[in-house]
C-alpha atoms as a PDB file:
ATOM      1  CA  MET A   1     -67.712 -57.808   6.369  1.00  0.00           C
ATOM      2  CA  ARG A   2     -65.121 -56.811   8.991  1.00  0.00           C
ATOM      3  CA  LYS A   3     -65.052 -53.231   7.721  1.00  0.00           C
ATOM      4  CA  LEU A   4     -68.818 -53.015   8.015  1.00  0.00           C
ATOM      5  CA  ALA A   5     -68.758 -54.442  11.551  1.00  0.00           C
ATOM      6  CA  ALA A   6     -65.969 -52.052  12.600  1.00  0.00           C
ATOM      7  CA  THR A   7     -67.862 -49.094  11.135  1.00  0.00           C
ATOM      8  CA  ALA A   8     -71.064 -50.136  12.904  1.00  0.00           C
ATOM      9  CA  PHE A   9     -69.199 -50.570  16.199  1.00  0.00           C
ATOM     10  CA  GLY A  10     -67.592 -47.133  15.751  1.00  0.00           C
ATOM     11  CA  MET A  11     -70.965 -45.498  15.102  1.00  0.00           C
ATOM     12  CA  ILE A  12     -72.484 -47.129  18.190  1.00  0.00           C
ATOM     13  CA  ALA A  13     -69.514 -46.015  20.319  1.00  0.00           C
ATOM     14  CA  LEU A  14     -69.817 -42.441  19.027  1.00  0.00           C
ATOM     15  CA  GLY A  15     -73.537 -42.483  19.818  1.00  0.00           C
ATOM     16  CA  LEU A  16     -72.844 -43.581  23.392  1.00  0.00           C
ATOM     17  CA  VAL A  17     -70.134 -40.976  23.902  1.00  0.00           C
ATOM     18  CA  ALA A  18     -72.364 -38.245  22.454  1.00  0.00           C
ATOM     19  CA  GLY A  19     -74.923 -38.964  25.186  1.00  0.00           C
ATOM     20  CA  CYS A  20     -72.382 -38.305  27.936  1.00  0.00           C
ATOM     21  CA  GLN A  21     -73.378 -35.362  30.150  1.00  0.00           C
ATOM     22  CA  ALA A  22     -70.106 -34.843  32.017  1.00  0.00           C
ATOM     23  CA  ARG A  23     -69.101 -31.201  32.350  1.00  0.00           C
ATOM     24  CA  PRO A  24     -67.069 -29.103  34.769  1.00  0.00           C
ATOM     25  CA  LEU A  25     -68.950 -28.122  37.935  1.00  0.00           C
ATOM     26  CA  TYR A  26     -68.326 -24.388  37.496  1.00  0.00           C
ATOM     27  CA  SER A  27     -68.528 -24.319  33.691  1.00  0.00           C
ATOM     28  CA  THR A  28     -69.882 -21.312  31.850  1.00  0.00           C
ATOM     29  CA  GLY A  29     -73.586 -21.624  31.230  1.00  0.00           C
ATOM     30  CA  SER A  30     -74.261 -23.297  34.572  1.00  0.00           C
ATOM     31  CA  ASN A  31     -75.746 -21.222  37.374  1.00  0.00           C
ATOM     32  CA  THR A  32     -73.944 -23.141  40.123  1.00  0.00           C
ATOM     33  CA  GLU A  33     -71.786 -20.185  41.119  1.00  0.00           C
ATOM     34  CA  SER A  34     -74.717 -17.774  41.494  1.00  0.00           C
ATOM     35  CA  ALA A  35     -76.817 -20.401  43.282  1.00  0.00           C
ATOM     36  CA  ALA A  36     -73.978 -21.104  45.722  1.00  0.00           C
ATOM     37  CA  ALA A  37     -73.696 -17.375  46.409  1.00  0.00           C
ATOM     38  CA  SER A  38     -77.331 -17.356  47.573  1.00  0.00           C
ATOM     39  CA  VAL A  39     -76.844 -19.831  50.438  1.00  0.00           C
ATOM     40  CA  SER A  40     -77.432 -18.531  53.950  1.00  0.00           C
ATOM     41  CA  ILE A  41     -75.571 -20.358  56.735  1.00  0.00           C
ATOM     42  CA  SER A  42     -76.862 -20.684  60.306  1.00  0.00           C
ATOM     43  CA  GLU A  43     -75.201 -18.764  63.124  1.00  0.00           C
ATOM     44  CA  ALA A  44     -72.315 -20.428  64.942  1.00  0.00           C
ATOM     45  CA  ASP A  45     -72.300 -21.612  68.554  1.00  0.00           C
ATOM     46  CA  SER A  46     -68.554 -22.145  69.041  1.00  0.00           C
ATOM     47  CA  ARG A  47     -65.205 -20.862  67.825  1.00  0.00           C
ATOM     48  CA  VAL A  48     -64.542 -23.834  65.521  1.00  0.00           C
ATOM     49  CA  GLU A  49     -68.059 -23.644  64.084  1.00  0.00           C
ATOM     50  CA  GLN A  50     -67.500 -19.933  63.422  1.00  0.00           C
ATOM     51  CA  ARG A  51     -64.248 -20.739  61.579  1.00  0.00           C
ATOM     52  CA  VAL A  52     -66.031 -23.280  59.365  1.00  0.00           C
ATOM     53  CA  ARG A  53     -68.900 -20.835  58.796  1.00  0.00           C
ATOM     54  CA  ASN A  54     -66.535 -18.001  57.810  1.00  0.00           C
ATOM     55  CA  GLU A  55     -64.684 -20.255  55.367  1.00  0.00           C
ATOM     56  CA  LEU A  56     -67.990 -21.427  53.858  1.00  0.00           C
ATOM     57  CA  VAL A  57     -69.293 -17.876  53.453  1.00  0.00           C
ATOM     58  CA  PHE A  58     -66.100 -16.996  51.593  1.00  0.00           C
ATOM     59  CA  LEU A  59     -66.080 -20.131  49.413  1.00  0.00           C
ATOM     60  CA  LEU A  60     -69.779 -20.115  48.524  1.00  0.00           C
ATOM     61  CA  GLY A  61     -70.037 -16.372  48.017  1.00  0.00           C
ATOM     62  CA  GLY A  62     -66.835 -16.092  46.020  1.00  0.00           C
ATOM     63  CA  GLY A  63     -65.481 -13.559  48.510  1.00  0.00           C
ATOM     64  CA  ARG A  64     -68.580 -11.330  48.317  1.00  0.00           C
ATOM     65  CA  GLY A  65     -69.914 -12.195  51.774  1.00  0.00           C
ATOM     66  CA  GLU A  66     -73.367 -13.328  52.803  1.00  0.00           C
ATOM     67  CA  PRO A  67     -76.369 -12.925  50.496  1.00  0.00           C
ATOM     68  CA  ALA A  68     -78.983 -10.284  51.279  1.00  0.00           C
ATOM     69  CA  ASP A  69     -81.861 -12.463  50.079  1.00  0.00           C
ATOM     70  CA  ALA A  70     -80.968 -16.129  50.329  1.00  0.00           C
ATOM     71  CA  ALA A  71     -82.646 -18.747  48.154  1.00  0.00           C
ATOM     72  CA  TYR A  72     -81.190 -21.571  50.255  1.00  0.00           C
ATOM     73  CA  ASN A  73     -80.630 -22.074  53.994  1.00  0.00           C
ATOM     74  CA  MET A  74     -77.990 -24.322  55.501  1.00  0.00           C
ATOM     75  CA  GLU A  75     -78.170 -25.473  59.102  1.00  0.00           C
ATOM     76  CA  MET A  76     -74.801 -26.623  60.367  1.00  0.00           C
ATOM     77  CA  ASN A  77     -73.468 -28.144  63.580  1.00  0.00           C
ATOM     78  CA  VAL A  78     -69.694 -28.547  64.022  1.00  0.00           C
ATOM     79  CA  ARG A  79     -67.917 -30.477  66.771  1.00  0.00           C
ATOM     80  CA  SER A  80     -64.200 -30.771  67.454  1.00  0.00           C
ATOM     81  CA  ARG A  81     -62.174 -32.919  69.821  1.00  0.00           C
ATOM     82  CA  ALA A  82     -58.465 -33.276  70.473  1.00  0.00           C
ATOM     83  CA  THR A  83     -56.935 -36.621  71.374  1.00  0.00           C
ATOM     84  CA  GLY A  84     -53.374 -37.644  72.191  1.00  0.00           C
ATOM     85  CA  VAL A  85     -51.985 -40.516  70.164  1.00  0.00           C
ATOM     86  CA  LEU A  86     -48.272 -40.931  70.960  1.00  0.00           C
ATOM     87  CA  LEU A  87     -47.627 -41.393  74.657  1.00  0.00           C
ATOM     88  CA  ARG A  88     -44.175 -40.958  76.176  1.00  0.00           C
ATOM     89  CA  SER A  89     -43.638 -44.072  78.275  1.00  0.00           C
ATOM     90  CA  SER A  90     -41.689 -42.340  81.047  1.00  0.00           C
ATOM     91  CA  ASP A  91     -44.463 -39.987  82.178  1.00  0.00           C
ATOM     92  CA  ASP A  92     -47.538 -41.006  80.127  1.00  0.00           C
ATOM     93  CA  VAL A  93     -47.791 -37.603  78.377  1.00  0.00           C
ATOM     94  CA  ALA A  94     -48.930 -37.315  74.777  1.00  0.00           C
ATOM     95  CA  ARG A  95     -46.312 -35.951  72.361  1.00  0.00           C
ATOM     96  CA  ALA A  96     -48.598 -35.857  69.330  1.00  0.00           C
ATOM     97  CA  GLY A  97     -52.282 -35.878  68.731  1.00  0.00           C
ATOM     98  CA  ARG A  98     -55.073 -35.381  66.317  1.00  0.00           C
ATOM     99  CA  ILE A  99     -57.968 -32.987  65.983  1.00  0.00           C
ATOM    100  CA  VAL A 100     -61.136 -34.672  64.736  1.00  0.00           C
ATOM    101  CA  MET A 101     -63.691 -32.196  63.416  1.00  0.00           C
ATOM    102  CA  THR A 102     -67.167 -33.306  62.367  1.00  0.00           C
ATOM    103  CA  ALA A 103     -69.918 -31.267  60.717  1.00  0.00           C
ATOM    104  CA  ASP A 104     -73.561 -32.190  60.227  1.00  0.00           C
ATOM    105  CA  TYR A 105     -75.339 -29.986  57.704  1.00  0.00           C
ATOM    106  CA  ASN A 106     -78.715 -29.659  56.002  1.00  0.00           C
ATOM    107  CA  LEU A 107     -79.196 -27.587  52.832  1.00  0.00           C
ATOM    108  CA  ALA A 108     -82.819 -26.612  52.197  1.00  0.00           C
ATOM    109  CA  LEU A 109     -84.839 -24.278  49.990  1.00  0.00           C
ATOM    110  CA  ALA A 110     -85.594 -21.043  51.837  1.00  0.00           C
ATOM    111  CA  GLU A 111     -89.178 -20.701  50.629  1.00  0.00           C
ATOM    112  CA  SER A 112     -90.430 -24.259  51.145  1.00  0.00           C
ATOM    113  CA  GLY A 113     -87.956 -25.825  53.558  1.00  0.00           C
ATOM    114  CA  GLU A 114     -87.470 -28.800  51.221  1.00  0.00           C
ATOM    115  CA  THR A 115     -84.153 -30.530  51.938  1.00  0.00           C
ATOM    116  CA  LEU A 116     -81.811 -30.616  48.966  1.00  0.00           C
ATOM    117  CA  ARG A 117     -78.813 -32.256  50.613  1.00  0.00           C
ATOM    118  CA  SER A 118     -77.888 -33.271  54.114  1.00  0.00           C
ATOM    119  CA  GLY A 119     -74.822 -35.040  55.321  1.00  0.00           C
ATOM    120  CA  ARG A 120     -71.950 -35.437  57.696  1.00  0.00           C
ATOM    121  CA  ARG A 121     -68.335 -34.664  56.905  1.00  0.00           C
ATOM    122  CA  GLN A 122     -65.315 -35.362  59.075  1.00  0.00           C
ATOM    123  CA  VAL A 123     -61.679 -34.315  58.822  1.00  0.00           C
ATOM    124  CA  VAL A 124     -58.590 -35.092  60.872  1.00  0.00           C
ATOM    125  CA  ALA A 125     -55.694 -32.693  61.470  1.00  0.00           C
ATOM    126  CA  LEU A 126     -52.504 -33.969  63.069  1.00  0.00           C
ATOM    127  CA  VAL A 127     -50.692 -31.913  65.689  1.00  0.00           C
ATOM    128  CA  ASP A 128     -47.460 -32.130  67.700  1.00  0.00           C
ATOM    129  CA  PHE A 129     -47.802 -31.331  71.406  1.00  0.00           C
ATOM    130  CA  PRO A 130     -44.880 -29.243  72.699  1.00  0.00           C
ATOM    131  CA  THR A 131     -43.946 -29.395  76.371  1.00  0.00           C
ATOM    132  CA  GLN A 132     -44.977 -25.779  77.075  1.00  0.00           C
ATOM    133  CA  GLU A 133     -48.673 -25.480  77.842  1.00  0.00           C
ATOM    134  CA  PHE A 134     -49.311 -22.266  75.889  1.00  0.00           C
ATOM    135  CA  ALA A 135     -47.498 -23.657  72.838  1.00  0.00           C
ATOM    136  CA  LYS A 136     -49.637 -26.782  73.095  1.00  0.00           C
ATOM    137  CA  LEU A 137     -52.854 -24.739  73.192  1.00  0.00           C
ATOM    138  CA  ARG A 138     -51.684 -22.693  70.202  1.00  0.00           C
ATOM    139  CA  ALA A 139     -50.783 -25.864  68.269  1.00  0.00           C
ATOM    140  CA  ILE A 140     -54.268 -27.253  68.928  1.00  0.00           C
ATOM    141  CA  ARG A 141     -55.865 -23.994  67.753  1.00  0.00           C
ATOM    142  CA  ASP A 142     -53.765 -23.975  64.572  1.00  0.00           C
ATOM    143  CA  ALA A 143     -54.780 -27.580  63.852  1.00  0.00           C
ATOM    144  CA  GLU A 144     -58.433 -26.666  64.422  1.00  0.00           C
ATOM    145  CA  ASN A 145     -58.071 -23.799  61.930  1.00  0.00           C
ATOM    146  CA  ARG A 146     -56.555 -26.150  59.339  1.00  0.00           C
ATOM    147  CA  ALA A 147     -59.322 -28.675  59.911  1.00  0.00           C
ATOM    148  CA  ALA A 148     -62.002 -25.963  59.644  1.00  0.00           C
ATOM    149  CA  ARG A 149     -60.635 -24.826  56.279  1.00  0.00           C
ATOM    150  CA  GLU A 150     -60.571 -28.389  54.944  1.00  0.00           C
ATOM    151  CA  LEU A 151     -64.051 -29.150  56.293  1.00  0.00           C
ATOM    152  CA  ALA A 152     -65.466 -26.019  54.648  1.00  0.00           C
ATOM    153  CA  GLU A 153     -63.970 -27.056  51.308  1.00  0.00           C
ATOM    154  CA  LEU A 154     -65.609 -30.488  51.543  1.00  0.00           C
ATOM    155  CA  ILE A 155     -68.996 -29.034  52.447  1.00  0.00           C
ATOM    156  CA  SER A 156     -68.823 -26.376  49.717  1.00  0.00           C
ATOM    157  CA  ALA A 157     -68.104 -29.110  47.146  1.00  0.00           C
ATOM    158  CA  ASP A 158     -71.151 -31.047  48.401  1.00  0.00           C
ATOM    159  CA  VAL A 159     -73.310 -27.930  48.197  1.00  0.00           C
ATOM    160  CA  ALA A 160     -72.067 -27.089  44.689  1.00  0.00           C
ATOM    161  CA  ALA A 161     -72.804 -30.641  43.527  1.00  0.00           C
ATOM    162  CA  ALA A 162     -76.325 -30.489  44.982  1.00  0.00           C
ATOM    163  CA  LEU A 163     -77.002 -27.112  43.369  1.00  0.00           C
ATOM    164  CA  ALA A 164     -75.601 -28.259  40.009  1.00  0.00           C
ATOM    165  CA  GLN A 165     -78.203 -31.054  39.925  1.00  0.00           C
ATOM    166  CA  ARG A 166     -81.072 -28.574  40.200  1.00  0.00           C
END
């Protein structure tokens, strides 16, 4: 009786596992890569938004650039702010800080305007503030570039997941 029960349990477990639909996002046979390459991204209004846009164009297009005839449009708005977090008690000057970069995006079909995915992503990049003003500005810019790269990776993963569901 135990053998029969164990065999029945094993067959049921195999049946459940056989119904599993998990597969790699960029697996062969899926058109996620070609669909991602046909995403057009809105023009940028600021330097940090342009950095995120450039990274996204590279990631989504696989290094091929922007599509000539896009099947999908993505509207994107990126904001960045720098804040000091460690204050020196003697003169109340920040010695370290963080760059908080936030992106709101909306992925839609080009022909109908139907929204496929919209969302907000936020990343934080830490930065040390040197005493020289130019070095401080350069450190902030480098942190913004790091944050833009990370933000683009998060958004491209969201876009790939949305396109894989189609």
